[in-house]
Amino acid sequence: MESPVQLTEKAKLEIKTTLAANKIPETYGLRVGLKGGACSGTFLLGFDTATEHDQTYHVDGIKVFVDKRHLMYVIGLSVDYEEGANGSGYTVSTEEKK
């Protein structure tokens, strides 16, 4: 099943590096979801284990967990990792990046 969330090459590399460097168990993956209400919510990213409400996707060896109740809100999201003068971190957008 194709993931509703796209991960850029930079994001994939950073996720794999973080998981390995912190010796995070293989049962963990990247959780993509929504925090708060649908209209006023913010996107949620973090490392977590699957729950009974999750749909699990595999993106180039990375587990991606999406709560089935959040699925319609995350379809088409792109997760990137950016480094800049003010720091570095993950970004979420609705525009596909490669």
C-alpha atoms as a PDB file:
ATOM      1  CA  MET A   1       0.000   0.000   0.000  1.00  0.00           C
ATOM      2  CA  GLU A   2       1.374   3.384  -0.992  1.00  0.00           C
ATOM      3  CA  SER A   3       2.043   5.859   1.804  1.00  0.00           C
ATOM      4  CA  PRO A   4      -0.173   8.956   1.904  1.00  0.00           C
ATOM      5  CA  VAL A   5       2.875  10.873   3.168  1.00  0.00           C
ATOM      6  CA  GLN A   6       5.969  11.532   1.058  1.00  0.00           C
ATOM      7  CA  LEU A   7       9.453  11.667   2.583  1.00  0.00           C
ATOM      8  CA  THR A   8      12.191  13.584   0.801  1.00  0.00           C
ATOM      9  CA  GLU A   9      15.625  12.010   0.443  1.00  0.00           C
ATOM     10  CA  LYS A  10      16.992  14.375   3.123  1.00  0.00           C
ATOM     11  CA  ALA A  11      14.196  13.411   5.516  1.00  0.00           C
ATOM     12  CA  LYS A  12      14.736   9.681   4.915  1.00  0.00           C
ATOM     13  CA  LEU A  13      18.463  10.006   5.574  1.00  0.00           C
ATOM     14  CA  GLU A  14      17.920  12.010   8.775  1.00  0.00           C
ATOM     15  CA  ILE A  15      15.239   9.605  10.063  1.00  0.00           C
ATOM     16  CA  LYS A  16      17.466   6.568   9.462  1.00  0.00           C
ATOM     17  CA  THR A  17      20.456   8.345  11.045  1.00  0.00           C
ATOM     18  CA  THR A  18      18.428   9.367  14.105  1.00  0.00           C
ATOM     19  CA  LEU A  19      16.988   5.894  14.612  1.00  0.00           C
ATOM     20  CA  ALA A  20      20.427   4.266  14.370  1.00  0.00           C
ATOM     21  CA  ALA A  21      22.342   6.864  16.410  1.00  0.00           C
ATOM     22  CA  ASN A  22      19.854   6.689  19.280  1.00  0.00           C
ATOM     23  CA  LYS A  23      19.522   2.889  19.109  1.00  0.00           C
ATOM     24  CA  ILE A  24      15.764   3.211  18.816  1.00  0.00           C
ATOM     25  CA  PRO A  25      14.166  -0.268  18.658  1.00  0.00           C
ATOM     26  CA  GLU A  26      12.870  -1.583  15.331  1.00  0.00           C
ATOM     27  CA  THR A  27       9.306  -1.486  16.657  1.00  0.00           C
ATOM     28  CA  TYR A  28       9.415   2.327  16.375  1.00  0.00           C
ATOM     29  CA  GLY A  29       8.668   4.352  13.292  1.00  0.00           C
ATOM     30  CA  LEU A  30       7.766   7.860  12.243  1.00  0.00           C
ATOM     31  CA  ARG A  31       4.334   8.974  13.417  1.00  0.00           C
ATOM     32  CA  VAL A  32       2.619  11.532  11.183  1.00  0.00           C
ATOM     33  CA  GLY A  33      -0.632  12.948  12.432  1.00  0.00           C
ATOM     34  CA  LEU A  34      -2.649  15.865  13.569  1.00  0.00           C
ATOM     35  CA  LYS A  35      -2.724  17.520  16.977  1.00  0.00           C
ATOM     36  CA  GLY A  36      -5.856  19.441  17.859  1.00  0.00           C
ATOM     37  CA  GLY A  37      -8.942  19.932  15.705  1.00  0.00           C
ATOM     38  CA  ALA A  38      -9.045  19.373  11.973  1.00  0.00           C
ATOM     39  CA  CYS A  39      -9.430  23.050  11.059  1.00  0.00           C
ATOM     40  CA  SER A  40      -7.178  24.477  13.752  1.00  0.00           C
ATOM     41  CA  GLY A  41      -4.818  21.541  14.201  1.00  0.00           C
ATOM     42  CA  THR A  42      -1.100  21.364  13.665  1.00  0.00           C
ATOM     43  CA  PHE A  43       0.832  18.512  12.136  1.00  0.00           C
ATOM     44  CA  LEU A  44       2.538  16.094  14.469  1.00  0.00           C
ATOM     45  CA  LEU A  45       5.810  14.275  13.767  1.00  0.00           C
ATOM     46  CA  GLY A  46       7.623  11.992  16.154  1.00  0.00           C
ATOM     47  CA  PHE A  47       9.036   8.551  16.752  1.00  0.00           C
ATOM     48  CA  ASP A  48       6.495   6.150  18.205  1.00  0.00           C
ATOM     49  CA  THR A  49       5.181   2.591  18.140  1.00  0.00           C
ATOM     50  CA  ALA A  50       2.044   1.497  16.322  1.00  0.00           C
ATOM     51  CA  THR A  51      -1.325   1.445  18.053  1.00  0.00           C
ATOM     52  CA  GLU A  52      -4.528  -0.391  17.207  1.00  0.00           C
ATOM     53  CA  HIS A  53      -5.804   2.738  15.418  1.00  0.00           C
ATOM     54  CA  ASP A  54      -2.824   3.027  13.065  1.00  0.00           C
ATOM     55  CA  GLN A  55      -2.277   2.207   9.449  1.00  0.00           C
ATOM     56  CA  THR A  56       1.375   1.255   8.889  1.00  0.00           C
ATOM     57  CA  TYR A  57       3.204   2.157   5.692  1.00  0.00           C
ATOM     58  CA  HIS A  58       6.765   1.339   4.636  1.00  0.00           C
ATOM     59  CA  VAL A  59       8.783   4.021   2.851  1.00  0.00           C
ATOM     60  CA  ASP A  60      12.259   2.833   1.823  1.00  0.00           C
ATOM     61  CA  GLY A  61      12.689   0.807   5.005  1.00  0.00           C
ATOM     62  CA  ILE A  62      11.095   3.409   7.295  1.00  0.00           C
ATOM     63  CA  LYS A  63       7.870   2.571   9.096  1.00  0.00           C
ATOM     64  CA  VAL A  64       5.352   5.407   8.911  1.00  0.00           C
ATOM     65  CA  PHE A  65       2.392   5.278  11.312  1.00  0.00           C
ATOM     66  CA  VAL A  66      -0.778   7.234  10.591  1.00  0.00           C
ATOM     67  CA  ASP A  67      -3.810   7.072  12.858  1.00  0.00           C
ATOM     68  CA  LYS A  68      -6.721   6.025  10.624  1.00  0.00           C
ATOM     69  CA  ARG A  69      -8.739   8.948  12.041  1.00  0.00           C
ATOM     70  CA  HIS A  70      -6.087  11.390  10.759  1.00  0.00           C
ATOM     71  CA  LEU A  71      -5.602   9.802   7.351  1.00  0.00           C
ATOM     72  CA  MET A  72      -7.769  12.233   5.378  1.00  0.00           C
ATOM     73  CA  TYR A  73      -5.803  15.178   6.809  1.00  0.00           C
ATOM     74  CA  VAL A  74      -2.315  13.887   5.981  1.00  0.00           C
ATOM     75  CA  ILE A  75      -2.864  12.631   2.430  1.00  0.00           C
ATOM     76  CA  GLY A  76      -0.418  14.424   0.158  1.00  0.00           C
ATOM     77  CA  LEU A  77       1.877  15.752   2.892  1.00  0.00           C
ATOM     78  CA  SER A  78       5.587  15.963   2.237  1.00  0.00           C
ATOM     79  CA  VAL A  79       8.106  15.696   5.079  1.00  0.00           C
ATOM     80  CA  ASP A  80      11.490  17.297   4.501  1.00  0.00           C
ATOM     81  CA  TYR A  81      14.564  17.991   6.620  1.00  0.00           C
ATOM     82  CA  GLU A  82      16.162  21.407   6.308  1.00  0.00           C
ATOM     83  CA  GLU A  83      19.323  22.926   7.704  1.00  0.00           C
ATOM     84  CA  GLY A  84      19.733  26.670   7.913  1.00  0.00           C
ATOM     85  CA  ALA A  85      21.347  29.543   9.759  1.00  0.00           C
ATOM     86  CA  ASN A  86      18.657  29.428  12.457  1.00  0.00           C
ATOM     87  CA  GLY A  87      18.895  25.690  13.045  1.00  0.00           C
ATOM     88  CA  SER A  88      17.694  22.492  11.498  1.00  0.00           C
ATOM     89  CA  GLY A  89      14.608  20.345  11.636  1.00  0.00           C
ATOM     90  CA  TYR A  90      11.768  18.644   9.882  1.00  0.00           C
ATOM     91  CA  THR A  91       9.238  20.589   7.860  1.00  0.00           C
ATOM     92  CA  VAL A  92       5.818  19.493   6.681  1.00  0.00           C
ATOM     93  CA  SER A  93       4.197  20.901   3.564  1.00  0.00           C
ATOM     94  CA  THR A  94       1.424  20.092   1.154  1.00  0.00           C
ATOM     95  CA  GLU A  95       3.770  20.506  -1.824  1.00  0.00           C
ATOM     96  CA  GLU A  96       5.604  17.429  -3.046  1.00  0.00           C
ATOM     97  CA  LYS A  97       9.410  17.699  -2.823  1.00  0.00           C
ATOM     98  CA  LYS A  98      11.974  15.288  -4.202  1.00  0.00           C
END
